[in-house]
N, C-alpha and C. Protein backbone atom coordinates (compact mmCIF):
# COMPACT_ATOMS: atom_id res chain seq x y z
N MET A 1 -2.45 -21.41 -10.60
CA MET A 1 -3.25 -20.41 -11.27
C MET A 1 -2.53 -19.95 -12.53
N MET A 2 -3.25 -19.89 -13.61
CA MET A 2 -2.69 -19.42 -14.88
C MET A 2 -3.05 -17.96 -15.10
N PHE A 3 -2.11 -17.21 -15.58
CA PHE A 3 -2.33 -15.80 -15.86
C PHE A 3 -2.68 -15.64 -17.34
N ARG A 4 -3.96 -15.67 -17.65
CA ARG A 4 -4.41 -15.59 -19.05
C ARG A 4 -4.81 -14.17 -19.46
N HIS A 5 -5.23 -13.36 -18.48
CA HIS A 5 -5.63 -11.99 -18.78
C HIS A 5 -4.75 -11.05 -17.97
N VAL A 6 -3.92 -10.29 -18.68
CA VAL A 6 -2.91 -9.43 -18.06
C VAL A 6 -3.35 -7.97 -18.20
N LEU A 7 -3.54 -7.29 -17.06
CA LEU A 7 -3.84 -5.86 -17.08
C LEU A 7 -2.52 -5.10 -16.96
N VAL A 8 -2.31 -4.16 -17.89
CA VAL A 8 -1.05 -3.43 -17.92
C VAL A 8 -1.34 -1.92 -17.86
N PRO A 9 -1.20 -1.32 -16.68
CA PRO A 9 -1.35 0.14 -16.59
C PRO A 9 -0.13 0.81 -17.22
N ILE A 10 -0.37 1.81 -18.05
CA ILE A 10 0.74 2.48 -18.74
C ILE A 10 0.57 3.99 -18.63
N ASP A 11 1.73 4.70 -18.73
CA ASP A 11 1.68 6.16 -18.64
C ASP A 11 2.48 6.85 -19.74
N GLY A 12 3.09 6.10 -20.62
CA GLY A 12 3.84 6.69 -21.72
C GLY A 12 5.30 6.96 -21.43
N SER A 13 5.74 6.74 -20.20
CA SER A 13 7.15 6.95 -19.86
C SER A 13 8.01 5.88 -20.52
N ASP A 14 9.33 6.10 -20.51
CA ASP A 14 10.25 5.11 -21.07
C ASP A 14 10.11 3.77 -20.35
N LEU A 15 10.02 3.81 -19.03
CA LEU A 15 9.87 2.58 -18.26
C LEU A 15 8.55 1.88 -18.59
N SER A 16 7.51 2.64 -18.76
CA SER A 16 6.21 2.08 -19.12
C SER A 16 6.26 1.42 -20.50
N ARG A 17 6.95 2.07 -21.44
CA ARG A 17 7.07 1.47 -22.78
C ARG A 17 7.85 0.16 -22.74
N ALA A 18 8.87 0.10 -21.88
CA ALA A 18 9.62 -1.15 -21.71
C ALA A 18 8.72 -2.22 -21.09
N ALA A 19 7.89 -1.83 -20.12
CA ALA A 19 6.97 -2.77 -19.48
C ALA A 19 5.96 -3.31 -20.50
N VAL A 20 5.53 -2.46 -21.43
CA VAL A 20 4.60 -2.90 -22.48
C VAL A 20 5.22 -4.05 -23.26
N LYS A 21 6.47 -3.88 -23.68
CA LYS A 21 7.16 -4.93 -24.45
C LYS A 21 7.23 -6.24 -23.66
N HIS A 22 7.59 -6.15 -22.39
CA HIS A 22 7.73 -7.35 -21.56
C HIS A 22 6.37 -7.98 -21.24
N ALA A 23 5.36 -7.16 -21.04
CA ALA A 23 4.02 -7.69 -20.78
C ALA A 23 3.49 -8.42 -22.01
N ILE A 24 3.77 -7.90 -23.18
CA ILE A 24 3.35 -8.57 -24.42
C ILE A 24 4.04 -9.92 -24.54
N CYS A 25 5.34 -9.96 -24.27
CA CYS A 25 6.08 -11.23 -24.31
C CYS A 25 5.50 -12.22 -23.30
N PHE A 26 5.22 -11.72 -22.11
CA PHE A 26 4.64 -12.56 -21.05
C PHE A 26 3.30 -13.13 -21.51
N ALA A 27 2.42 -12.27 -22.03
CA ALA A 27 1.10 -12.71 -22.48
C ALA A 27 1.22 -13.72 -23.63
N LYS A 28 2.16 -13.47 -24.51
CA LYS A 28 2.37 -14.39 -25.64
C LYS A 28 2.84 -15.76 -25.13
N ASP A 29 3.75 -15.76 -24.16
CA ASP A 29 4.26 -17.02 -23.60
C ASP A 29 3.17 -17.84 -22.92
N VAL A 30 2.22 -17.17 -22.27
CA VAL A 30 1.16 -17.92 -21.56
C VAL A 30 -0.10 -18.07 -22.41
N LYS A 31 0.03 -17.66 -23.69
CA LYS A 31 -1.11 -17.71 -24.62
C LYS A 31 -2.30 -16.95 -24.05
N GLY A 32 -1.98 -15.78 -23.51
CA GLY A 32 -3.00 -14.94 -22.88
C GLY A 32 -3.30 -13.70 -23.68
N ARG A 33 -4.00 -12.79 -23.04
CA ARG A 33 -4.37 -11.53 -23.66
C ARG A 33 -4.03 -10.38 -22.72
N VAL A 34 -3.91 -9.18 -23.28
CA VAL A 34 -3.58 -8.02 -22.47
C VAL A 34 -4.66 -6.95 -22.59
N THR A 35 -4.82 -6.23 -21.51
CA THR A 35 -5.62 -5.00 -21.53
C THR A 35 -4.69 -3.90 -21.05
N PHE A 36 -4.49 -2.90 -21.90
CA PHE A 36 -3.68 -1.75 -21.52
C PHE A 36 -4.61 -0.69 -20.95
N LEU A 37 -4.20 -0.11 -19.82
CA LEU A 37 -5.01 0.87 -19.11
C LEU A 37 -4.23 2.16 -18.94
N TYR A 38 -4.87 3.27 -19.29
CA TYR A 38 -4.31 4.59 -19.03
C TYR A 38 -5.26 5.32 -18.09
N VAL A 39 -4.73 5.80 -16.96
CA VAL A 39 -5.56 6.53 -16.00
C VAL A 39 -5.32 8.02 -16.20
N MET A 40 -6.38 8.70 -16.62
CA MET A 40 -6.30 10.14 -16.88
C MET A 40 -6.60 10.92 -15.60
N LYS A 41 -5.97 12.07 -15.48
CA LYS A 41 -6.25 12.96 -14.37
C LYS A 41 -7.58 13.67 -14.59
N ASP A 42 -8.22 14.04 -13.51
CA ASP A 42 -9.45 14.80 -13.59
C ASP A 42 -9.11 16.29 -13.62
N TYR A 43 -10.02 17.09 -14.09
CA TYR A 43 -9.84 18.53 -14.19
C TYR A 43 -10.04 19.17 -12.82
N HIS A 44 -9.08 20.04 -12.43
CA HIS A 44 -9.19 20.77 -11.17
C HIS A 44 -8.79 22.22 -11.40
N VAL A 45 -9.72 23.13 -11.26
CA VAL A 45 -9.43 24.55 -11.44
C VAL A 45 -8.39 25.01 -10.43
N SER A 46 -8.49 24.57 -9.18
CA SER A 46 -7.59 25.03 -8.14
C SER A 46 -6.14 24.66 -8.44
N ALA A 47 -5.93 23.62 -9.19
CA ALA A 47 -4.56 23.22 -9.52
C ALA A 47 -3.97 24.10 -10.62
N LEU A 48 -4.81 24.84 -11.31
CA LEU A 48 -4.34 25.63 -12.44
C LEU A 48 -3.81 27.00 -12.05
N HIS A 49 -4.30 27.55 -10.94
CA HIS A 49 -3.84 28.87 -10.56
C HIS A 49 -4.16 29.19 -9.10
N SER A 50 -3.49 30.21 -8.61
CA SER A 50 -3.79 30.72 -7.28
C SER A 50 -4.33 32.13 -7.43
N GLU A 51 -4.81 32.71 -6.35
CA GLU A 51 -5.35 34.07 -6.40
C GLU A 51 -4.27 35.07 -6.80
N GLN A 52 -3.02 34.83 -6.41
CA GLN A 52 -1.92 35.75 -6.70
C GLN A 52 -1.70 35.95 -8.19
N ASP A 53 -1.76 34.89 -8.94
CA ASP A 53 -1.44 35.02 -10.37
C ASP A 53 -2.67 34.85 -11.25
N GLU A 54 -3.83 35.16 -10.69
CA GLU A 54 -5.08 34.98 -11.42
C GLU A 54 -5.10 35.76 -12.73
N GLU A 55 -4.57 37.01 -12.71
CA GLU A 55 -4.61 37.83 -13.92
C GLU A 55 -3.55 37.39 -14.94
N ASN A 56 -2.57 36.58 -14.52
CA ASN A 56 -1.49 36.17 -15.41
C ASN A 56 -1.70 34.79 -16.02
N ILE A 57 -2.81 34.15 -15.71
CA ILE A 57 -3.01 32.77 -16.15
C ILE A 57 -4.14 32.70 -17.17
N ASP A 58 -3.97 31.83 -18.11
CA ASP A 58 -5.03 31.58 -19.08
C ASP A 58 -5.50 30.15 -18.83
N PRO A 59 -6.45 29.99 -17.90
CA PRO A 59 -6.85 28.63 -17.53
C PRO A 59 -7.47 27.89 -18.72
N ILE A 60 -7.21 26.61 -18.75
CA ILE A 60 -7.76 25.77 -19.80
C ILE A 60 -9.20 25.40 -19.42
N ALA A 61 -10.07 25.40 -20.38
CA ALA A 61 -11.46 25.04 -20.14
C ALA A 61 -11.55 23.54 -19.83
N PRO A 62 -12.51 23.17 -19.00
CA PRO A 62 -12.64 21.74 -18.65
C PRO A 62 -12.74 20.82 -19.87
N ASN A 63 -13.51 21.23 -20.87
CA ASN A 63 -13.65 20.37 -22.06
C ASN A 63 -12.33 20.26 -22.83
N ASP A 64 -11.59 21.37 -22.90
CA ASP A 64 -10.29 21.35 -23.58
C ASP A 64 -9.31 20.44 -22.84
N PHE A 65 -9.35 20.53 -21.51
CA PHE A 65 -8.49 19.67 -20.69
C PHE A 65 -8.83 18.20 -20.93
N SER A 66 -10.11 17.87 -20.88
CA SER A 66 -10.54 16.48 -21.10
C SER A 66 -10.16 16.00 -22.48
N ASP A 67 -10.34 16.86 -23.48
CA ASP A 67 -9.97 16.48 -24.85
C ASP A 67 -8.47 16.23 -24.97
N ALA A 68 -7.67 17.09 -24.33
CA ALA A 68 -6.22 16.92 -24.38
C ALA A 68 -5.80 15.63 -23.68
N MET A 69 -6.40 15.35 -22.52
CA MET A 69 -6.08 14.12 -21.80
C MET A 69 -6.46 12.90 -22.64
N ARG A 70 -7.63 12.94 -23.26
CA ARG A 70 -8.11 11.82 -24.08
C ARG A 70 -7.19 11.61 -25.28
N THR A 71 -6.78 12.68 -25.93
CA THR A 71 -5.87 12.58 -27.08
C THR A 71 -4.55 11.95 -26.66
N HIS A 72 -4.01 12.42 -25.54
CA HIS A 72 -2.76 11.88 -25.01
C HIS A 72 -2.90 10.39 -24.68
N ALA A 73 -3.97 10.05 -23.98
CA ALA A 73 -4.21 8.64 -23.61
C ALA A 73 -4.36 7.78 -24.86
N ASP A 74 -5.14 8.25 -25.82
CA ASP A 74 -5.37 7.47 -27.04
C ASP A 74 -4.07 7.21 -27.80
N ARG A 75 -3.20 8.21 -27.84
CA ARG A 75 -1.91 8.04 -28.55
C ARG A 75 -1.07 6.95 -27.88
N ILE A 76 -1.00 6.98 -26.57
CA ILE A 76 -0.22 5.99 -25.82
C ILE A 76 -0.84 4.60 -25.93
N LEU A 77 -2.15 4.53 -25.81
CA LEU A 77 -2.83 3.23 -25.89
C LEU A 77 -2.74 2.63 -27.29
N GLN A 78 -2.86 3.47 -28.32
CA GLN A 78 -2.78 2.95 -29.69
C GLN A 78 -1.39 2.39 -30.01
N ALA A 79 -0.35 3.02 -29.47
CA ALA A 79 1.01 2.51 -29.68
C ALA A 79 1.16 1.14 -29.01
N ALA A 80 0.63 0.99 -27.81
CA ALA A 80 0.69 -0.30 -27.12
C ALA A 80 -0.14 -1.35 -27.85
N ARG A 81 -1.32 -0.95 -28.32
CA ARG A 81 -2.18 -1.87 -29.08
C ARG A 81 -1.46 -2.37 -30.34
N ALA A 82 -0.80 -1.47 -31.04
CA ALA A 82 -0.09 -1.85 -32.27
C ALA A 82 1.01 -2.86 -31.97
N GLU A 83 1.75 -2.66 -30.89
CA GLU A 83 2.82 -3.61 -30.53
C GLU A 83 2.24 -5.00 -30.25
N ALA A 84 1.16 -5.05 -29.49
CA ALA A 84 0.56 -6.34 -29.15
C ALA A 84 0.01 -7.02 -30.40
N THR A 85 -0.65 -6.25 -31.25
CA THR A 85 -1.21 -6.79 -32.49
C THR A 85 -0.10 -7.36 -33.37
N ASP A 86 1.01 -6.62 -33.47
CA ASP A 86 2.15 -7.08 -34.27
C ASP A 86 2.69 -8.42 -33.77
N GLU A 87 2.56 -8.66 -32.47
CA GLU A 87 3.05 -9.91 -31.88
C GLU A 87 1.97 -11.00 -31.83
N GLY A 88 0.80 -10.70 -32.37
CA GLY A 88 -0.27 -11.68 -32.40
C GLY A 88 -0.95 -11.90 -31.06
N VAL A 89 -0.86 -10.94 -30.16
CA VAL A 89 -1.47 -11.05 -28.84
C VAL A 89 -2.82 -10.33 -28.85
N GLN A 90 -3.84 -10.99 -28.36
CA GLN A 90 -5.16 -10.38 -28.25
C GLN A 90 -5.07 -9.19 -27.29
N VAL A 91 -5.64 -8.06 -27.70
CA VAL A 91 -5.44 -6.83 -26.92
C VAL A 91 -6.72 -6.01 -26.82
N ASP A 92 -6.85 -5.34 -25.70
CA ASP A 92 -7.92 -4.38 -25.48
C ASP A 92 -7.27 -3.16 -24.83
N THR A 93 -7.89 -2.01 -24.99
CA THR A 93 -7.37 -0.80 -24.35
C THR A 93 -8.51 -0.07 -23.65
N LEU A 94 -8.14 0.68 -22.63
CA LEU A 94 -9.13 1.41 -21.85
C LEU A 94 -8.48 2.63 -21.22
N ALA A 95 -9.18 3.76 -21.25
CA ALA A 95 -8.76 4.95 -20.53
C ALA A 95 -9.87 5.33 -19.56
N VAL A 96 -9.50 5.59 -18.33
CA VAL A 96 -10.46 6.00 -17.30
C VAL A 96 -9.94 7.25 -16.62
N THR A 97 -10.82 7.99 -16.00
CA THR A 97 -10.44 9.19 -15.26
C THR A 97 -10.55 8.92 -13.78
N ASN A 98 -9.45 9.19 -13.06
CA ASN A 98 -9.44 9.00 -11.62
C ASN A 98 -8.19 9.68 -11.06
N ASP A 99 -8.36 10.45 -10.00
CA ASP A 99 -7.22 11.12 -9.40
C ASP A 99 -6.40 10.20 -8.50
N GLU A 100 -6.89 9.00 -8.29
CA GLU A 100 -6.15 8.01 -7.51
C GLU A 100 -5.90 6.80 -8.41
N PRO A 101 -4.81 6.86 -9.18
CA PRO A 101 -4.55 5.81 -10.18
C PRO A 101 -4.58 4.39 -9.61
N HIS A 102 -4.05 4.19 -8.41
CA HIS A 102 -4.02 2.83 -7.85
C HIS A 102 -5.42 2.28 -7.68
N LYS A 103 -6.36 3.12 -7.27
CA LYS A 103 -7.74 2.67 -7.12
C LYS A 103 -8.36 2.31 -8.47
N ALA A 104 -8.08 3.13 -9.47
CA ALA A 104 -8.59 2.85 -10.81
C ALA A 104 -8.03 1.55 -11.36
N ILE A 105 -6.75 1.31 -11.14
CA ILE A 105 -6.10 0.09 -11.63
C ILE A 105 -6.75 -1.14 -11.00
N ILE A 106 -6.93 -1.12 -9.70
CA ILE A 106 -7.52 -2.26 -9.00
C ILE A 106 -8.98 -2.45 -9.43
N GLU A 107 -9.73 -1.35 -9.54
CA GLU A 107 -11.13 -1.43 -9.99
C GLU A 107 -11.25 -2.07 -11.36
N VAL A 108 -10.44 -1.61 -12.29
CA VAL A 108 -10.48 -2.13 -13.66
C VAL A 108 -10.06 -3.60 -13.67
N ALA A 109 -9.04 -3.94 -12.90
CA ALA A 109 -8.60 -5.34 -12.83
C ALA A 109 -9.74 -6.25 -12.37
N LEU A 110 -10.47 -5.80 -11.38
CA LEU A 110 -11.60 -6.60 -10.88
C LEU A 110 -12.74 -6.66 -11.89
N LYS A 111 -13.11 -5.50 -12.44
CA LYS A 111 -14.23 -5.46 -13.40
C LYS A 111 -13.94 -6.25 -14.67
N ARG A 112 -12.68 -6.18 -15.12
CA ARG A 112 -12.30 -6.87 -16.36
C ARG A 112 -11.82 -8.30 -16.10
N GLU A 113 -11.86 -8.72 -14.84
CA GLU A 113 -11.46 -10.07 -14.43
C GLU A 113 -10.03 -10.42 -14.88
N ALA A 114 -9.13 -9.51 -14.62
CA ALA A 114 -7.72 -9.76 -14.93
C ALA A 114 -7.18 -10.79 -13.94
N ASP A 115 -6.27 -11.62 -14.41
CA ASP A 115 -5.63 -12.62 -13.56
C ASP A 115 -4.39 -12.07 -12.88
N VAL A 116 -3.80 -11.03 -13.49
CA VAL A 116 -2.57 -10.45 -12.96
C VAL A 116 -2.46 -9.00 -13.45
N ILE A 117 -1.88 -8.17 -12.60
CA ILE A 117 -1.57 -6.79 -12.97
C ILE A 117 -0.06 -6.75 -13.21
N PHE A 118 0.32 -6.32 -14.40
CA PHE A 118 1.73 -6.26 -14.79
C PHE A 118 2.08 -4.79 -14.92
N MET A 119 2.89 -4.27 -14.00
CA MET A 119 3.15 -2.83 -14.05
C MET A 119 4.58 -2.48 -13.75
N ALA A 120 4.98 -1.32 -14.24
CA ALA A 120 6.33 -0.82 -14.03
C ALA A 120 6.42 -0.14 -12.67
N SER A 121 7.64 -0.11 -12.15
CA SER A 121 7.91 0.64 -10.93
C SER A 121 9.09 1.56 -11.19
N HIS A 122 8.93 2.81 -10.82
CA HIS A 122 10.01 3.78 -10.99
C HIS A 122 11.06 3.68 -9.90
N SER A 123 10.83 2.81 -8.93
CA SER A 123 11.80 2.49 -7.88
C SER A 123 12.29 3.70 -7.09
N ARG A 124 11.36 4.53 -6.67
CA ARG A 124 11.77 5.62 -5.77
C ARG A 124 12.21 5.01 -4.46
N ARG A 125 13.22 5.59 -3.89
CA ARG A 125 13.74 5.07 -2.63
C ARG A 125 13.82 6.19 -1.60
N GLY A 126 13.94 5.78 -0.36
CA GLY A 126 14.17 6.73 0.73
C GLY A 126 13.03 7.69 0.93
N LEU A 127 13.38 8.94 1.22
CA LEU A 127 12.41 9.96 1.55
C LEU A 127 11.44 10.22 0.40
N ALA A 128 11.93 10.20 -0.84
CA ALA A 128 11.05 10.42 -1.99
C ALA A 128 9.94 9.39 -2.02
N SER A 129 10.27 8.16 -1.71
CA SER A 129 9.26 7.10 -1.69
C SER A 129 8.23 7.34 -0.59
N LEU A 130 8.70 7.76 0.57
CA LEU A 130 7.79 8.01 1.68
C LEU A 130 6.88 9.20 1.41
N LEU A 131 7.43 10.27 0.85
CA LEU A 131 6.66 11.48 0.63
C LEU A 131 5.72 11.36 -0.57
N LEU A 132 6.24 10.84 -1.66
CA LEU A 132 5.46 10.77 -2.88
C LEU A 132 4.58 9.55 -2.96
N GLY A 133 4.99 8.51 -2.25
CA GLY A 133 4.26 7.27 -2.39
C GLY A 133 4.55 6.70 -3.77
N SER A 134 3.93 5.66 -4.09
CA SER A 134 4.14 5.03 -5.38
C SER A 134 2.84 4.35 -5.79
N VAL A 135 2.44 4.60 -7.01
CA VAL A 135 1.23 3.93 -7.50
C VAL A 135 1.43 2.43 -7.41
N THR A 136 2.61 1.97 -7.80
CA THR A 136 2.90 0.54 -7.75
C THR A 136 2.80 0.02 -6.32
N GLN A 137 3.39 0.75 -5.39
CA GLN A 137 3.34 0.32 -3.98
C GLN A 137 1.91 0.27 -3.48
N LYS A 138 1.10 1.25 -3.86
CA LYS A 138 -0.30 1.28 -3.43
C LYS A 138 -1.09 0.13 -4.04
N VAL A 139 -0.80 -0.20 -5.29
CA VAL A 139 -1.47 -1.35 -5.91
C VAL A 139 -1.04 -2.63 -5.19
N LEU A 140 0.25 -2.78 -4.94
CA LEU A 140 0.75 -3.96 -4.22
C LEU A 140 0.09 -4.10 -2.86
N SER A 141 -0.09 -2.99 -2.18
CA SER A 141 -0.65 -3.01 -0.83
C SER A 141 -2.15 -3.27 -0.79
N ASN A 142 -2.85 -2.93 -1.85
CA ASN A 142 -4.31 -2.99 -1.81
C ASN A 142 -4.96 -4.01 -2.74
N SER A 143 -4.21 -4.59 -3.65
CA SER A 143 -4.80 -5.52 -4.62
C SER A 143 -4.87 -6.94 -4.08
N LYS A 144 -5.98 -7.58 -4.35
CA LYS A 144 -6.12 -9.00 -4.03
C LYS A 144 -5.72 -9.85 -5.24
N ILE A 145 -5.50 -9.16 -6.37
CA ILE A 145 -5.06 -9.81 -7.60
C ILE A 145 -3.53 -9.78 -7.62
N PRO A 146 -2.88 -10.86 -8.05
CA PRO A 146 -1.40 -10.85 -8.12
C PRO A 146 -0.88 -9.69 -8.95
N VAL A 147 0.28 -9.16 -8.54
CA VAL A 147 0.92 -8.05 -9.25
C VAL A 147 2.34 -8.45 -9.61
N LEU A 148 2.68 -8.32 -10.89
CA LEU A 148 4.05 -8.52 -11.35
C LEU A 148 4.63 -7.13 -11.57
N VAL A 149 5.79 -6.86 -10.96
CA VAL A 149 6.40 -5.55 -11.06
C VAL A 149 7.61 -5.63 -11.98
N TYR A 150 7.62 -4.77 -13.00
CA TYR A 150 8.73 -4.68 -13.93
C TYR A 150 9.60 -3.50 -13.54
N ARG A 151 10.92 -3.73 -13.40
CA ARG A 151 11.86 -2.64 -13.09
C ARG A 151 12.90 -2.54 -14.17
């Protein structure tokens, strides 16, 4: 099986930026293309405050939150797009909203017919890994599409 379409979930972290560089090299080597994906969080009022500090909080409006998330996603995706374009790699970008990033990644991979998911792993170990889980681990556990993990 040839990996011609590489889906690369990114979050703007240092590790994610390094994965972008390596995914572009990988796609260039296989004469493939990349789709960079940013999964945005959904707006939740309950996450913004509790009853105790209700009078001390200035909650962000849903539209302002969405606009801020979109601006952040666009900035990260445009930087990745520019790197791929500079290397002559065909590129697409996409931002979706989902509170379960692993599900969004797998859904997009299937809908966009990606051959491989190329993603970074923050390599949490021990109790932190068990408690927090890992988006990468969840993708590995649930994807029927091959996953390449960059560390």
